[in-house]
Amino acid sequence: MLVFLCLLLVFLISAVQIFRIIRENRHSQAVQQELEMMFFQESSEQERSISEDSQSEPEAPDLPAYDFTALLELNEDVQGWLYMPDVNVSQIVVQGGDNDYYLHRNIYQEYEFSGTVFMDYRCIWGESEHTILYGHNMTDGSIFAPLKQYMESDFGASHPRFWYITPLGVYQCDIFSVYLTTAEDEDYTRTHFQDEEEWLHALENWKERSAYAFPTVELHEGVQVLTLSTCNYEEVWRKGRQALHAVLTPLSS
């Protein structure tokens, strides 16, 4: 009888936990849908017309029309939107006063286990050579979970590009490296470098660490990099991380 009661208690606790996870996932999905409706527009003043005399920068791709107005009114911490249609990642990006605040908070600054994709608090957009975005690898396949596809060379080599949208413009992101590491790895999360030589050395190091080679991306003086970081327990349980590095290129508008 005692054994039966113990098993029943374990079952009830597990059932409650599963129900809680399902409820939280549904709430997260609802919030995501709300944000996409606020951001992506059927028509927008920010739809871009390509300038014929602007030949030094790549042309903007056929991105959905968007508008940051409602999102910025909702939360002034909004920094941009990460758009990766090839892997079904479309996420708002915020920046808090530290790297803990949005770890388990949504855009409304309410508790939510899945949190919000956030920019490293040490980064200054437009000034930092290296900008890092963090996001959870959720078991329901949301947030940064789809990034694990990039550990497959066939997929990554054929999908080497994504976009980062900011209130001031759109950036093309060309991937040059992806690899597994650990939470203790401070090399891939550095945000400040003494000089260009040290910066270029870091870029070459990240490129060499890649699990496979991407199409050639020029790593030169003055280049800026966007890094995506998430959990990946394929090699290291609990402390495993996946890093994805991409060169930023502003698009003509």
C-alpha atoms as a PDB file:
ATOM      1  CA  MET A   1       0.000   0.000   0.000  1.00  0.00           C
ATOM      2  CA  LEU A   2       2.807   2.398   0.887  1.00  0.00           C
ATOM      3  CA  VAL A   3       4.556   1.666  -2.377  1.00  0.00           C
ATOM      4  CA  PHE A   4       1.322   2.347  -4.274  1.00  0.00           C
ATOM      5  CA  LEU A   5       0.857   5.695  -2.512  1.00  0.00           C
ATOM      6  CA  CYS A   6       4.446   6.675  -3.283  1.00  0.00           C
ATOM      7  CA  LEU A   7       3.986   5.809  -6.950  1.00  0.00           C
ATOM      8  CA  LEU A   8       0.712   7.720  -7.024  1.00  0.00           C
ATOM      9  CA  LEU A   9       2.397  10.773  -5.502  1.00  0.00           C
ATOM     10  CA  VAL A  10       5.194  10.632  -8.066  1.00  0.00           C
ATOM     11  CA  PHE A  11       2.617  10.341 -10.845  1.00  0.00           C
ATOM     12  CA  LEU A  12       0.632  13.329  -9.567  1.00  0.00           C
ATOM     13  CA  ILE A  13       3.746  15.496  -9.202  1.00  0.00           C
ATOM     14  CA  SER A  14       4.875  14.568 -12.718  1.00  0.00           C
ATOM     15  CA  ALA A  15       1.411  15.293 -14.105  1.00  0.00           C
ATOM     16  CA  VAL A  16       1.372  18.727 -12.472  1.00  0.00           C
ATOM     17  CA  GLN A  17       4.824  19.520 -13.870  1.00  0.00           C
ATOM     18  CA  ILE A  18       3.822  18.413 -17.358  1.00  0.00           C
ATOM     19  CA  PHE A  19       0.643  20.507 -17.176  1.00  0.00           C
ATOM     20  CA  ARG A  20       2.659  23.526 -16.039  1.00  0.00           C
ATOM     21  CA  ILE A  21       5.145  23.126 -18.898  1.00  0.00           C
ATOM     22  CA  ILE A  22       2.339  22.792 -21.466  1.00  0.00           C
ATOM     23  CA  ARG A  23       0.579  25.868 -20.058  1.00  0.00           C
ATOM     24  CA  GLU A  24       3.782  27.939 -20.090  1.00  0.00           C
ATOM     25  CA  ASN A  25       4.612  26.847 -23.646  1.00  0.00           C
ATOM     26  CA  ARG A  26       1.141  27.842 -24.835  1.00  0.00           C
ATOM     27  CA  HIS A  27       1.460  31.226 -23.148  1.00  0.00           C
ATOM     28  CA  SER A  28       4.876  31.760 -24.744  1.00  0.00           C
ATOM     29  CA  GLN A  29       3.454  30.890 -28.148  1.00  0.00           C
ATOM     30  CA  ALA A  30       0.592  33.342 -27.629  1.00  0.00           C
ATOM     31  CA  VAL A  31       3.010  36.138 -26.695  1.00  0.00           C
ATOM     32  CA  GLN A  32       5.123  35.342 -29.770  1.00  0.00           C
ATOM     33  CA  GLN A  33       2.071  35.601 -32.022  1.00  0.00           C
ATOM     34  CA  GLU A  34       1.128  38.952 -30.461  1.00  0.00           C
ATOM     35  CA  LEU A  35       4.620  40.330 -31.071  1.00  0.00           C
ATOM     36  CA  GLU A  36       4.695  39.167 -34.681  1.00  0.00           C
ATOM     37  CA  MET A  37       1.328  40.848 -35.301  1.00  0.00           C
ATOM     38  CA  MET A  38       2.700  44.086 -33.811  1.00  0.00           C
ATOM     39  CA  PHE A  39       5.937  43.958 -35.803  1.00  0.00           C
ATOM     40  CA  PHE A  40       5.177  42.529 -39.224  1.00  0.00           C
ATOM     41  CA  GLN A  41       2.847  44.719 -41.238  1.00  0.00           C
ATOM     42  CA  GLU A  42       0.784  44.211 -44.381  1.00  0.00           C
ATOM     43  CA  SER A  43       2.138  47.598 -45.420  1.00  0.00           C
ATOM     44  CA  SER A  44       4.679  49.841 -43.776  1.00  0.00           C
ATOM     45  CA  GLU A  45       6.402  53.136 -44.297  1.00  0.00           C
ATOM     46  CA  GLN A  46       9.633  51.238 -43.730  1.00  0.00           C
ATOM     47  CA  GLU A  47       9.291  49.184 -46.906  1.00  0.00           C
ATOM     48  CA  ARG A  48      12.532  49.771 -48.687  1.00  0.00           C
ATOM     49  CA  SER A  49      13.083  51.134 -52.195  1.00  0.00           C
ATOM     50  CA  ILE A  50      16.565  50.321 -53.520  1.00  0.00           C
ATOM     51  CA  SER A  51      18.656  53.336 -54.429  1.00  0.00           C
ATOM     52  CA  GLU A  52      20.202  53.068 -57.906  1.00  0.00           C
ATOM     53  CA  ASP A  53      23.280  55.083 -56.901  1.00  0.00           C
ATOM     54  CA  SER A  54      24.038  52.954 -53.830  1.00  0.00           C
ATOM     55  CA  GLN A  55      26.412  50.276 -55.153  1.00  0.00           C
ATOM     56  CA  SER A  56      28.738  49.881 -52.146  1.00  0.00           C
ATOM     57  CA  GLU A  57      26.252  47.951 -49.994  1.00  0.00           C
ATOM     58  CA  PRO A  58      24.178  44.825 -50.744  1.00  0.00           C
ATOM     59  CA  GLU A  59      20.553  45.334 -51.629  1.00  0.00           C
ATOM     60  CA  ALA A  60      17.888  44.526 -49.078  1.00  0.00           C
ATOM     61  CA  PRO A  61      16.203  41.145 -49.631  1.00  0.00           C
ATOM     62  CA  ASP A  62      12.469  40.740 -49.969  1.00  0.00           C
ATOM     63  CA  LEU A  63      11.795  40.938 -46.224  1.00  0.00           C
ATOM     64  CA  PRO A  64       8.288  41.287 -44.773  1.00  0.00           C
ATOM     65  CA  ALA A  65       7.228  44.869 -44.082  1.00  0.00           C
ATOM     66  CA  TYR A  66       7.835  45.786 -40.446  1.00  0.00           C
ATOM     67  CA  ASP A  67       7.380  48.578 -37.919  1.00  0.00           C
ATOM     68  CA  PHE A  68       9.078  48.958 -34.517  1.00  0.00           C
ATOM     69  CA  THR A  69       6.702  51.655 -33.212  1.00  0.00           C
ATOM     70  CA  ALA A  70       4.355  49.427 -31.179  1.00  0.00           C
ATOM     71  CA  LEU A  71       7.201  47.310 -29.790  1.00  0.00           C
ATOM     72  CA  LEU A  72       9.200  50.323 -28.592  1.00  0.00           C
ATOM     73  CA  GLU A  73       6.102  51.764 -26.938  1.00  0.00           C
ATOM     74  CA  LEU A  74       5.614  48.423 -25.215  1.00  0.00           C
ATOM     75  CA  ASN A  75       9.193  48.138 -23.934  1.00  0.00           C
ATOM     76  CA  GLU A  76      12.065  50.570 -24.414  1.00  0.00           C
ATOM     77  CA  ASP A  77      14.542  47.691 -24.005  1.00  0.00           C
ATOM     78  CA  VAL A  78      13.713  46.483 -27.535  1.00  0.00           C
ATOM     79  CA  GLN A  79      16.844  46.450 -29.702  1.00  0.00           C
ATOM     80  CA  GLY A  80      15.881  44.588 -32.849  1.00  0.00           C
ATOM     81  CA  TRP A  81      14.390  41.526 -34.473  1.00  0.00           C
ATOM     82  CA  LEU A  82      16.273  38.366 -35.457  1.00  0.00           C
ATOM     83  CA  TYR A  83      14.896  36.972 -38.718  1.00  0.00           C
ATOM     84  CA  MET A  84      16.057  33.498 -39.797  1.00  0.00           C
ATOM     85  CA  PRO A  85      13.326  32.077 -42.072  1.00  0.00           C
ATOM     86  CA  ASP A  86      15.479  29.122 -43.153  1.00  0.00           C
ATOM     87  CA  VAL A  87      15.335  27.663 -39.621  1.00  0.00           C
ATOM     88  CA  ASN A  88      12.004  29.127 -38.516  1.00  0.00           C
ATOM     89  CA  VAL A  89      13.548  31.551 -36.022  1.00  0.00           C
ATOM     90  CA  SER A  90      11.828  34.930 -35.787  1.00  0.00           C
ATOM     91  CA  GLN A  91      12.463  36.576 -32.430  1.00  0.00           C
ATOM     92  CA  ILE A  92      12.347  39.998 -30.837  1.00  0.00           C
ATOM     93  CA  VAL A  93      15.638  41.068 -29.208  1.00  0.00           C
ATOM     94  CA  VAL A  94      15.906  43.103 -26.002  1.00  0.00           C
ATOM     95  CA  GLN A  95      18.762  44.281 -23.779  1.00  0.00           C
ATOM     96  CA  GLY A  96      18.634  44.505 -20.008  1.00  0.00           C
ATOM     97  CA  GLY A  97      20.973  45.930 -17.408  1.00  0.00           C
ATOM     98  CA  ASP A  98      22.587  42.516 -16.949  1.00  0.00           C
ATOM     99  CA  ASN A  99      22.530  39.066 -18.540  1.00  0.00           C
ATOM    100  CA  ASP A 100      20.017  37.669 -16.055  1.00  0.00           C
ATOM    101  CA  TYR A 101      16.984  39.939 -16.268  1.00  0.00           C
ATOM    102  CA  TYR A 102      15.462  38.571 -19.491  1.00  0.00           C
ATOM    103  CA  LEU A 103      16.683  35.020 -18.959  1.00  0.00           C
ATOM    104  CA  HIS A 104      13.224  34.135 -17.634  1.00  0.00           C
ATOM    105  CA  ARG A 105      11.152  37.231 -18.443  1.00  0.00           C
ATOM    106  CA  ASN A 106       9.085  38.030 -21.506  1.00  0.00           C
ATOM    107  CA  ILE A 107       8.697  41.314 -23.340  1.00  0.00           C
ATOM    108  CA  TYR A 108       6.080  42.405 -20.778  1.00  0.00           C
ATOM    109  CA  GLN A 109       8.741  41.872 -18.075  1.00  0.00           C
ATOM    110  CA  GLU A 110       6.630  39.089 -16.555  1.00  0.00           C
ATOM    111  CA  TYR A 111       8.086  35.752 -15.449  1.00  0.00           C
ATOM    112  CA  GLU A 112       8.259  33.279 -18.290  1.00  0.00           C
ATOM    113  CA  PHE A 113      10.624  30.329 -18.256  1.00  0.00           C
ATOM    114  CA  SER A 114      11.479  30.615 -21.953  1.00  0.00           C
ATOM    115  CA  GLY A 115      12.545  34.228 -21.450  1.00  0.00           C
ATOM    116  CA  THR A 116      13.331  36.553 -24.354  1.00  0.00           C
ATOM    117  CA  VAL A 117      16.266  36.626 -26.753  1.00  0.00           C
ATOM    118  CA  PHE A 118      18.556  39.279 -25.295  1.00  0.00           C
ATOM    119  CA  MET A 119      21.692  41.167 -26.230  1.00  0.00           C
ATOM    120  CA  ASP A 120      24.702  40.961 -23.917  1.00  0.00           C
ATOM    121  CA  TYR A 121      24.479  43.979 -21.606  1.00  0.00           C
ATOM    122  CA  ARG A 122      28.126  44.840 -22.338  1.00  0.00           C
ATOM    123  CA  CYS A 123      27.443  45.408 -26.037  1.00  0.00           C
ATOM    124  CA  ILE A 124      26.684  48.790 -27.565  1.00  0.00           C
ATOM    125  CA  TRP A 125      24.909  48.305 -30.860  1.00  0.00           C
ATOM    126  CA  GLY A 126      26.724  50.044 -33.685  1.00  0.00           C
ATOM    127  CA  GLU A 127      29.895  50.524 -31.664  1.00  0.00           C
ATOM    128  CA  SER A 128      30.891  47.075 -30.423  1.00  0.00           C
ATOM    129  CA  GLU A 129      32.863  44.892 -32.828  1.00  0.00           C
ATOM    130  CA  HIS A 130      31.220  41.860 -31.280  1.00  0.00           C
ATOM    131  CA  THR A 131      27.527  41.664 -30.392  1.00  0.00           C
ATOM    132  CA  ILE A 132      26.144  38.551 -28.660  1.00  0.00           C
ATOM    133  CA  LEU A 133      22.520  37.396 -28.548  1.00  0.00           C
ATOM    134  CA  TYR A 134      21.446  34.732 -26.046  1.00  0.00           C
ATOM    135  CA  GLY A 135      18.371  32.511 -26.274  1.00  0.00           C
ATOM    136  CA  HIS A 136      17.098  29.285 -24.727  1.00  0.00           C
ATOM    137  CA  ASN A 137      17.091  25.946 -26.543  1.00  0.00           C
ATOM    138  CA  MET A 138      13.483  25.051 -25.661  1.00  0.00           C
ATOM    139  CA  THR A 139      12.235  21.467 -25.652  1.00  0.00           C
ATOM    140  CA  ASP A 140       9.122  22.501 -27.608  1.00  0.00           C
ATOM    141  CA  GLY A 141      11.357  23.597 -30.488  1.00  0.00           C
ATOM    142  CA  SER A 142      10.978  27.339 -29.904  1.00  0.00           C
ATOM    143  CA  ILE A 143      13.365  30.279 -29.347  1.00  0.00           C
ATOM    144  CA  PHE A 144      16.881  29.078 -30.376  1.00  0.00           C
ATOM    145  CA  ALA A 145      16.146  25.327 -30.482  1.00  0.00           C
ATOM    146  CA  PRO A 146      16.164  25.303 -34.333  1.00  0.00           C
ATOM    147  CA  LEU A 147      19.804  26.457 -34.354  1.00  0.00           C
ATOM    148  CA  LYS A 148      20.922  22.866 -33.716  1.00  0.00           C
ATOM    149  CA  GLN A 149      20.261  22.276 -37.422  1.00  0.00           C
ATOM    150  CA  TYR A 150      23.429  24.255 -38.084  1.00  0.00           C
ATOM    151  CA  MET A 151      25.516  21.486 -36.548  1.00  0.00           C
ATOM    152  CA  GLU A 152      24.745  19.508 -39.728  1.00  0.00           C
ATOM    153  CA  SER A 153      27.182  20.569 -42.454  1.00  0.00           C
ATOM    154  CA  ASP A 154      24.790  19.898 -45.355  1.00  0.00           C
ATOM    155  CA  PHE A 155      22.203  22.201 -43.835  1.00  0.00           C
ATOM    156  CA  GLY A 156      24.560  24.947 -42.678  1.00  0.00           C
ATOM    157  CA  ALA A 157      26.525  25.187 -45.907  1.00  0.00           C
ATOM    158  CA  SER A 158      23.302  25.616 -47.885  1.00  0.00           C
ATOM    159  CA  HIS A 159      21.727  28.123 -45.443  1.00  0.00           C
ATOM    160  CA  PRO A 160      24.617  30.440 -44.511  1.00  0.00           C
ATOM    161  CA  ARG A 161      22.679  33.688 -44.236  1.00  0.00           C
ATOM    162  CA  PHE A 162      20.067  35.392 -42.052  1.00  0.00           C
ATOM    163  CA  TRP A 163      19.010  38.956 -41.145  1.00  0.00           C
ATOM    164  CA  TYR A 164      19.009  41.224 -38.126  1.00  0.00           C
ATOM    165  CA  ILE A 165      16.503  44.072 -38.261  1.00  0.00           C
ATOM    166  CA  THR A 166      16.934  47.225 -36.137  1.00  0.00           C
ATOM    167  CA  PRO A 167      14.977  50.489 -35.916  1.00  0.00           C
ATOM    168  CA  LEU A 168      17.791  52.112 -37.919  1.00  0.00           C
ATOM    169  CA  GLY A 169      18.137  49.502 -40.646  1.00  0.00           C
ATOM    170  CA  VAL A 170      18.615  45.909 -41.747  1.00  0.00           C
ATOM    171  CA  TYR A 171      21.811  43.873 -41.521  1.00  0.00           C
ATOM    172  CA  GLN A 172      22.733  40.860 -43.582  1.00  0.00           C
ATOM    173  CA  CYS A 173      24.396  38.189 -41.438  1.00  0.00           C
ATOM    174  CA  ASP A 174      26.768  35.783 -43.187  1.00  0.00           C
ATOM    175  CA  ILE A 175      27.748  32.802 -41.032  1.00  0.00           C
ATOM    176  CA  PHE A 176      31.410  31.845 -40.938  1.00  0.00           C
ATOM    177  CA  SER A 177      31.561  29.556 -37.917  1.00  0.00           C
ATOM    178  CA  VAL A 178      29.466  27.255 -35.725  1.00  0.00           C
ATOM    179  CA  TYR A 179      30.660  24.903 -33.004  1.00  0.00           C
ATOM    180  CA  LEU A 180      29.873  23.329 -29.638  1.00  0.00           C
ATOM    181  CA  THR A 181      31.573  24.577 -26.491  1.00  0.00           C
ATOM    182  CA  THR A 182      30.841  25.039 -22.773  1.00  0.00           C
ATOM    183  CA  ALA A 183      29.451  27.709 -20.469  1.00  0.00           C
ATOM    184  CA  GLU A 184      32.973  28.264 -19.123  1.00  0.00           C
ATOM    185  CA  ASP A 185      34.301  29.249 -22.549  1.00  0.00           C
ATOM    186  CA  GLU A 186      34.994  32.993 -22.224  1.00  0.00           C
ATOM    187  CA  ASP A 187      36.646  33.186 -25.634  1.00  0.00           C
ATOM    188  CA  TYR A 188      33.445  33.227 -27.702  1.00  0.00           C
ATOM    189  CA  THR A 189      31.686  35.688 -25.368  1.00  0.00           C
ATOM    190  CA  ARG A 190      34.381  38.373 -25.310  1.00  0.00           C
ATOM    191  CA  THR A 191      33.026  41.806 -26.142  1.00  0.00           C
ATOM    192  CA  HIS A 192      36.137  43.997 -25.898  1.00  0.00           C
ATOM    193  CA  PHE A 193      39.478  43.718 -27.678  1.00  0.00           C
ATOM    194  CA  GLN A 194      42.659  45.739 -27.190  1.00  0.00           C
ATOM    195  CA  ASP A 195      43.247  46.485 -30.869  1.00  0.00           C
ATOM    196  CA  GLU A 196      42.490  45.376 -34.422  1.00  0.00           C
ATOM    197  CA  GLU A 197      45.219  42.745 -34.310  1.00  0.00           C
ATOM    198  CA  GLU A 198      43.639  41.048 -31.299  1.00  0.00           C
ATOM    199  CA  TRP A 199      40.207  41.307 -32.918  1.00  0.00           C
ATOM    200  CA  LEU A 200      41.367  39.733 -36.175  1.00  0.00           C
ATOM    201  CA  HIS A 201      43.099  36.977 -34.211  1.00  0.00           C
ATOM    202  CA  ALA A 202      39.781  36.223 -32.442  1.00  0.00           C
ATOM    203  CA  LEU A 203      37.949  36.078 -35.769  1.00  0.00           C
ATOM    204  CA  GLU A 204      40.451  33.615 -37.234  1.00  0.00           C
ATOM    205  CA  ASN A 205      40.280  31.529 -34.078  1.00  0.00           C
ATOM    206  CA  TRP A 206      36.477  31.318 -34.254  1.00  0.00           C
ATOM    207  CA  LYS A 207      36.686  30.399 -37.936  1.00  0.00           C
ATOM    208  CA  GLU A 208      39.163  27.599 -37.212  1.00  0.00           C
ATOM    209  CA  ARG A 209      36.921  26.237 -34.442  1.00  0.00           C
ATOM    210  CA  SER A 210      33.992  25.799 -36.826  1.00  0.00           C
ATOM    211  CA  ALA A 211      32.589  22.277 -37.120  1.00  0.00           C
ATOM    212  CA  TYR A 212      32.818  22.654 -40.912  1.00  0.00           C
ATOM    213  CA  ALA A 213      33.654  25.276 -43.545  1.00  0.00           C
ATOM    214  CA  PHE A 214      31.106  27.845 -44.696  1.00  0.00           C
ATOM    215  CA  PRO A 215      31.164  29.685 -48.030  1.00  0.00           C
ATOM    216  CA  THR A 216      33.991  32.225 -47.935  1.00  0.00           C
ATOM    217  CA  VAL A 217      33.264  35.259 -45.748  1.00  0.00           C
ATOM    218  CA  GLU A 218      35.863  38.026 -45.703  1.00  0.00           C
ATOM    219  CA  LEU A 219      37.250  38.720 -42.224  1.00  0.00           C
ATOM    220  CA  HIS A 220      38.934  42.096 -42.454  1.00  0.00           C
ATOM    221  CA  GLU A 221      39.795  45.089 -40.319  1.00  0.00           C
ATOM    222  CA  GLY A 222      36.708  46.923 -39.073  1.00  0.00           C
ATOM    223  CA  VAL A 223      34.335  43.980 -39.558  1.00  0.00           C
ATOM    224  CA  GLN A 224      31.504  43.569 -37.035  1.00  0.00           C
ATOM    225  CA  VAL A 225      30.210  40.192 -35.871  1.00  0.00           C
ATOM    226  CA  LEU A 226      26.887  38.983 -34.480  1.00  0.00           C
ATOM    227  CA  THR A 227      27.073  35.829 -32.344  1.00  0.00           C
ATOM    228  CA  LEU A 228      24.125  33.642 -31.364  1.00  0.00           C
ATOM    229  CA  SER A 229      24.549  31.586 -28.196  1.00  0.00           C
ATOM    230  CA  THR A 230      22.308  28.828 -26.882  1.00  0.00           C
ATOM    231  CA  CYS A 231      22.439  25.600 -24.904  1.00  0.00           C
ATOM    232  CA  ASN A 232      23.380  22.379 -26.690  1.00  0.00           C
ATOM    233  CA  TYR A 233      23.901  19.275 -24.591  1.00  0.00           C
ATOM    234  CA  GLU A 234      25.094  16.994 -27.387  1.00  0.00           C
ATOM    235  CA  GLU A 235      28.622  16.811 -25.972  1.00  0.00           C
ATOM    236  CA  VAL A 236      28.459  18.393 -22.503  1.00  0.00           C
ATOM    237  CA  TRP A 237      25.432  17.880 -20.251  1.00  0.00           C
ATOM    238  CA  ARG A 238      23.954  21.005 -18.589  1.00  0.00           C
ATOM    239  CA  LYS A 239      26.916  23.239 -19.428  1.00  0.00           C
ATOM    240  CA  GLY A 240      27.000  22.587 -23.164  1.00  0.00           C
ATOM    241  CA  ARG A 241      26.723  25.604 -25.465  1.00  0.00           C
ATOM    242  CA  GLN A 242      26.457  26.233 -29.190  1.00  0.00           C
ATOM    243  CA  ALA A 243      28.039  29.308 -30.749  1.00  0.00           C
ATOM    244  CA  LEU A 244      27.219  30.679 -34.191  1.00  0.00           C
ATOM    245  CA  HIS A 245      29.237  33.609 -35.578  1.00  0.00           C
ATOM    246  CA  ALA A 246      28.178  35.793 -38.512  1.00  0.00           C
ATOM    247  CA  VAL A 247      29.634  38.888 -40.180  1.00  0.00           C
ATOM    248  CA  LEU A 248      27.290  41.884 -40.241  1.00  0.00           C
ATOM    249  CA  THR A 249      26.759  43.894 -43.413  1.00  0.00           C
ATOM    250  CA  PRO A 250      24.385  46.910 -43.459  1.00  0.00           C
ATOM    251  CA  LEU A 251      21.960  46.822 -46.364  1.00  0.00           C
ATOM    252  CA  SER A 252      21.157  49.750 -48.617  1.00  0.00           C
ATOM    253  CA  SER A 253      17.798  51.353 -47.899  1.00  0.00           C
END
